[in-house]
């Protein structure tokens, strides 16, 4: 039971943060769309959007925990994991793209824009993390070399 809780807790937390971000992105893109096109934007959020968003963020959080943590893939570098995660997100986005277009709703385009921004933002953040980890690793390697040279 403890292992299950240890696995589910970060998944749940990450999914909740992403769902909140998705709702905020939906509101921002809806407002921006209304300002640009002059169309009215209904600030209520459809229930099906919340259900789809919850499902999508739960899948993304599970993928993140499986691919990016050391639980399953133990020996891969972060960059390889990030690339696999990004490809999985791209596939997930393609599937949700076709599912959303099957639903005749005016908010579907905003949902696609919000999820695309969410996925692109996550990919950028992971890319910046890899850059940071590489620079930090290079710095530690230099410091270790200086220490070895002194001793």
C-alpha atoms as a PDB file:
ATOM      1  CA  UNK A   1       0.000   0.000   0.000  1.00  0.00           C
ATOM      2  CA  UNK A   2       2.844   2.384   0.813  1.00  0.00           C
ATOM      3  CA  UNK A   3       4.368   1.870  -2.658  1.00  0.00           C
ATOM      4  CA  UNK A   4       1.033   2.641  -4.285  1.00  0.00           C
ATOM      5  CA  UNK A   5       0.628   5.816  -2.232  1.00  0.00           C
ATOM      6  CA  UNK A   6       4.232   6.823  -3.008  1.00  0.00           C
ATOM      7  CA  UNK A   7       3.463   6.423  -6.712  1.00  0.00           C
ATOM      8  CA  UNK A   8       0.001   8.024  -6.750  1.00  0.00           C
ATOM      9  CA  UNK A   9       0.779  11.111  -4.630  1.00  0.00           C
ATOM     10  CA  UNK A  10       3.141  12.858  -7.100  1.00  0.00           C
ATOM     11  CA  UNK A  11       0.899  11.835 -10.024  1.00  0.00           C
ATOM     12  CA  UNK A  12      -2.147  13.343  -8.330  1.00  0.00           C
ATOM     13  CA  UNK A  13      -0.305  16.528  -7.375  1.00  0.00           C
ATOM     14  CA  UNK A  14       1.163  17.060 -10.837  1.00  0.00           C
ATOM     15  CA  UNK A  15      -2.191  16.343 -12.511  1.00  0.00           C
ATOM     16  CA  UNK A  16      -3.941  18.838 -10.224  1.00  0.00           C
ATOM     17  CA  UNK A  17      -1.361  21.533 -11.012  1.00  0.00           C
ATOM     18  CA  UNK A  18      -1.683  20.895 -14.737  1.00  0.00           C
ATOM     19  CA  UNK A  19      -5.486  20.933 -14.615  1.00  0.00           C
ATOM     20  CA  UNK A  20      -5.380  24.293 -12.865  1.00  0.00           C
ATOM     21  CA  UNK A  21      -2.927  25.519 -15.505  1.00  0.00           C
ATOM     22  CA  UNK A  22      -5.141  24.163 -18.290  1.00  0.00           C
ATOM     23  CA  UNK A  23      -8.191  25.994 -16.933  1.00  0.00           C
ATOM     24  CA  UNK A  24      -6.192  29.226 -16.628  1.00  0.00           C
ATOM     25  CA  UNK A  25      -4.836  28.795 -20.156  1.00  0.00           C
ATOM     26  CA  UNK A  26      -8.359  28.187 -21.431  1.00  0.00           C
ATOM     27  CA  UNK A  27      -9.539  31.433 -19.857  1.00  0.00           C
ATOM     28  CA  UNK A  28      -6.548  33.389 -21.167  1.00  0.00           C
ATOM     29  CA  UNK A  29      -6.829  31.994 -24.702  1.00  0.00           C
ATOM     30  CA  UNK A  30     -10.591  32.581 -24.662  1.00  0.00           C
ATOM     31  CA  UNK A  31     -10.117  36.187 -23.602  1.00  0.00           C
ATOM     32  CA  UNK A  32      -7.378  36.708 -26.188  1.00  0.00           C
ATOM     33  CA  UNK A  33      -9.551  35.106 -28.875  1.00  0.00           C
ATOM     34  CA  UNK A  34     -12.462  37.363 -27.942  1.00  0.00           C
ATOM     35  CA  UNK A  35     -10.244  40.466 -28.055  1.00  0.00           C
ATOM     36  CA  UNK A  36      -8.714  39.593 -31.416  1.00  0.00           C
ATOM     37  CA  UNK A  37     -11.860  38.456 -33.219  1.00  0.00           C
ATOM     38  CA  UNK A  38     -14.408  40.657 -31.457  1.00  0.00           C
ATOM     39  CA  UNK A  39     -16.520  37.582 -30.692  1.00  0.00           C
ATOM     40  CA  UNK A  40     -18.224  37.084 -27.352  1.00  0.00           C
ATOM     41  CA  UNK A  41     -16.519  34.696 -24.956  1.00  0.00           C
ATOM     42  CA  UNK A  42     -18.622  32.828 -22.429  1.00  0.00           C
ATOM     43  CA  UNK A  43     -16.528  32.629 -19.276  1.00  0.00           C
ATOM     44  CA  UNK A  44     -18.272  29.508 -18.046  1.00  0.00           C
ATOM     45  CA  UNK A  45     -16.297  26.313 -18.463  1.00  0.00           C
ATOM     46  CA  UNK A  46     -18.115  23.338 -20.001  1.00  0.00           C
ATOM     47  CA  UNK A  47     -18.290  20.275 -17.760  1.00  0.00           C
ATOM     48  CA  UNK A  48     -16.989  18.042 -20.552  1.00  0.00           C
ATOM     49  CA  UNK A  49     -13.911  20.311 -20.800  1.00  0.00           C
ATOM     50  CA  UNK A  50     -13.154  19.664 -17.142  1.00  0.00           C
ATOM     51  CA  UNK A  51     -13.633  15.911 -17.606  1.00  0.00           C
ATOM     52  CA  UNK A  52     -11.422  15.827 -20.697  1.00  0.00           C
ATOM     53  CA  UNK A  53      -8.865  18.066 -19.033  1.00  0.00           C
ATOM     54  CA  UNK A  54      -8.787  15.874 -15.935  1.00  0.00           C
ATOM     55  CA  UNK A  55      -8.314  12.771 -18.057  1.00  0.00           C
ATOM     56  CA  UNK A  56      -5.626  14.402 -20.170  1.00  0.00           C
ATOM     57  CA  UNK A  57      -3.689  15.773 -17.212  1.00  0.00           C
ATOM     58  CA  UNK A  58      -3.918  12.430 -15.403  1.00  0.00           C
ATOM     59  CA  UNK A  59      -2.463  10.646 -18.452  1.00  0.00           C
ATOM     60  CA  UNK A  60       0.303  13.265 -18.746  1.00  0.00           C
ATOM     61  CA  UNK A  61       1.076  12.954 -15.040  1.00  0.00           C
ATOM     62  CA  UNK A  62       1.251   9.156 -15.319  1.00  0.00           C
ATOM     63  CA  UNK A  63       3.552   9.433 -18.342  1.00  0.00           C
ATOM     64  CA  UNK A  64       5.710  11.890 -16.435  1.00  0.00           C
ATOM     65  CA  UNK A  65       5.993   9.612 -13.423  1.00  0.00           C
ATOM     66  CA  UNK A  66       6.714   6.528 -15.546  1.00  0.00           C
ATOM     67  CA  UNK A  67       9.158   8.114 -18.005  1.00  0.00           C
ATOM     68  CA  UNK A  68      10.865  10.882 -16.053  1.00  0.00           C
ATOM     69  CA  UNK A  69      11.216   9.278 -12.633  1.00  0.00           C
ATOM     70  CA  UNK A  70      13.701   6.523 -11.862  1.00  0.00           C
ATOM     71  CA  UNK A  71      10.953   4.018 -11.031  1.00  0.00           C
ATOM     72  CA  UNK A  72      10.870   2.183 -14.376  1.00  0.00           C
ATOM     73  CA  UNK A  73      13.606   3.537 -16.641  1.00  0.00           C
ATOM     74  CA  UNK A  74      16.638   3.610 -14.379  1.00  0.00           C
ATOM     75  CA  UNK A  75      19.705   4.091 -16.570  1.00  0.00           C
ATOM     76  CA  UNK A  76      18.618   6.659 -19.182  1.00  0.00           C
ATOM     77  CA  UNK A  77      19.856  10.221 -19.101  1.00  0.00           C
ATOM     78  CA  UNK A  78      17.301  12.953 -18.563  1.00  0.00           C
ATOM     79  CA  UNK A  79      17.548  14.148 -22.186  1.00  0.00           C
ATOM     80  CA  UNK A  80      16.516  10.737 -23.547  1.00  0.00           C
ATOM     81  CA  UNK A  81      13.676  10.578 -21.062  1.00  0.00           C
ATOM     82  CA  UNK A  82      12.571  14.074 -21.994  1.00  0.00           C
ATOM     83  CA  UNK A  83      12.598  13.211 -25.700  1.00  0.00           C
ATOM     84  CA  UNK A  84      10.524  10.076 -25.061  1.00  0.00           C
ATOM     85  CA  UNK A  85       8.158  12.105 -22.891  1.00  0.00           C
ATOM     86  CA  UNK A  86       7.854  14.794 -25.578  1.00  0.00           C
ATOM     87  CA  UNK A  87       7.083  12.176 -28.236  1.00  0.00           C
ATOM     88  CA  UNK A  88       4.473  10.643 -25.949  1.00  0.00           C
ATOM     89  CA  UNK A  89       2.950  14.107 -25.446  1.00  0.00           C
ATOM     90  CA  UNK A  90       2.916  14.671 -29.206  1.00  0.00           C
ATOM     91  CA  UNK A  91       1.111  11.363 -29.728  1.00  0.00           C
ATOM     92  CA  UNK A  92      -1.313  12.178 -26.924  1.00  0.00           C
ATOM     93  CA  UNK A  93      -1.971  15.609 -28.403  1.00  0.00           C
ATOM     94  CA  UNK A  94      -2.599  14.078 -31.852  1.00  0.00           C
ATOM     95  CA  UNK A  95      -5.130  11.653 -30.369  1.00  0.00           C
ATOM     96  CA  UNK A  96      -6.886  14.400 -28.401  1.00  0.00           C
ATOM     97  CA  UNK A  97      -6.871  16.588 -31.530  1.00  0.00           C
ATOM     98  CA  UNK A  98      -8.943  14.007 -33.408  1.00  0.00           C
ATOM     99  CA  UNK A  99     -11.170  13.268 -30.428  1.00  0.00           C
ATOM    100  CA  UNK A 100     -11.948  16.957 -29.873  1.00  0.00           C
ATOM    101  CA  UNK A 101     -12.789  17.559 -33.525  1.00  0.00           C
ATOM    102  CA  UNK A 102     -15.309  14.725 -33.312  1.00  0.00           C
ATOM    103  CA  UNK A 103     -17.144  16.795 -30.690  1.00  0.00           C
ATOM    104  CA  UNK A 104     -19.133  19.639 -32.285  1.00  0.00           C
ATOM    105  CA  UNK A 105     -18.546  22.449 -29.807  1.00  0.00           C
ATOM    106  CA  UNK A 106     -17.443  26.047 -30.143  1.00  0.00           C
ATOM    107  CA  UNK A 107     -14.976  25.745 -27.275  1.00  0.00           C
ATOM    108  CA  UNK A 108     -13.073  22.843 -28.875  1.00  0.00           C
ATOM    109  CA  UNK A 109     -10.615  25.155 -30.654  1.00  0.00           C
ATOM    110  CA  UNK A 110      -9.833  26.943 -27.417  1.00  0.00           C
ATOM    111  CA  UNK A 111      -9.354  23.586 -25.717  1.00  0.00           C
ATOM    112  CA  UNK A 112      -6.883  22.589 -28.418  1.00  0.00           C
ATOM    113  CA  UNK A 113      -5.046  25.900 -28.080  1.00  0.00           C
ATOM    114  CA  UNK A 114      -4.866  25.563 -24.299  1.00  0.00           C
ATOM    115  CA  UNK A 115      -3.624  21.964 -24.411  1.00  0.00           C
ATOM    116  CA  UNK A 116      -1.090  22.808 -27.125  1.00  0.00           C
ATOM    117  CA  UNK A 117       0.248  25.668 -25.003  1.00  0.00           C
ATOM    118  CA  UNK A 118       0.382  23.409 -21.945  1.00  0.00           C
ATOM    119  CA  UNK A 119       2.291  20.689 -23.771  1.00  0.00           C
ATOM    120  CA  UNK A 120       4.644  23.142 -25.487  1.00  0.00           C
ATOM    121  CA  UNK A 121       5.329  24.854 -22.161  1.00  0.00           C
ATOM    122  CA  UNK A 122       6.123  21.552 -20.484  1.00  0.00           C
ATOM    123  CA  UNK A 123       8.484  20.579 -23.308  1.00  0.00           C
ATOM    124  CA  UNK A 124      10.283  23.926 -23.033  1.00  0.00           C
ATOM    125  CA  UNK A 125      10.574  23.588 -19.258  1.00  0.00           C
ATOM    126  CA  UNK A 126      12.024  20.095 -19.580  1.00  0.00           C
ATOM    127  CA  UNK A 127      14.461  21.314 -22.249  1.00  0.00           C
ATOM    128  CA  UNK A 128      15.623  24.121 -19.979  1.00  0.00           C
ATOM    129  CA  UNK A 129      15.967  21.625 -17.137  1.00  0.00           C
ATOM    130  CA  UNK A 130      18.217  19.433 -19.263  1.00  0.00           C
ATOM    131  CA  UNK A 131      20.343  22.454 -20.148  1.00  0.00           C
ATOM    132  CA  UNK A 132      20.589  23.401 -16.463  1.00  0.00           C
ATOM    133  CA  UNK A 133      21.483  19.842 -15.397  1.00  0.00           C
ATOM    134  CA  UNK A 134      24.151  19.627 -18.100  1.00  0.00           C
ATOM    135  CA  UNK A 135      25.713  22.962 -17.079  1.00  0.00           C
ATOM    136  CA  UNK A 136      25.584  22.009 -13.393  1.00  0.00           C
ATOM    137  CA  UNK A 137      27.155  18.632 -14.174  1.00  0.00           C
ATOM    138  CA  UNK A 138      29.924  20.329 -16.177  1.00  0.00           C
ATOM    139  CA  UNK A 139      30.567  22.701 -13.268  1.00  0.00           C
ATOM    140  CA  UNK A 140      30.758  19.815 -10.779  1.00  0.00           C
ATOM    141  CA  UNK A 141      33.129  17.950 -13.113  1.00  0.00           C
ATOM    142  CA  UNK A 142      35.395  20.998 -13.278  1.00  0.00           C
ATOM    143  CA  UNK A 143      35.332  21.379  -9.502  1.00  0.00           C
ATOM    144  CA  UNK A 144      36.169  17.680  -9.091  1.00  0.00           C
ATOM    145  CA  UNK A 145      39.084  18.045 -11.501  1.00  0.00           C
ATOM    146  CA  UNK A 146      40.397  21.039  -9.547  1.00  0.00           C
ATOM    147  CA  UNK A 147      40.112  19.007  -6.345  1.00  0.00           C
ATOM    148  CA  UNK A 148      41.917  16.041  -7.918  1.00  0.00           C
ATOM    149  CA  UNK A 149      44.697  18.306  -9.214  1.00  0.00           C
ATOM    150  CA  UNK A 150      45.234  19.778  -5.723  1.00  0.00           C
ATOM    151  CA  UNK A 151      45.336  16.397  -3.955  1.00  0.00           C
END
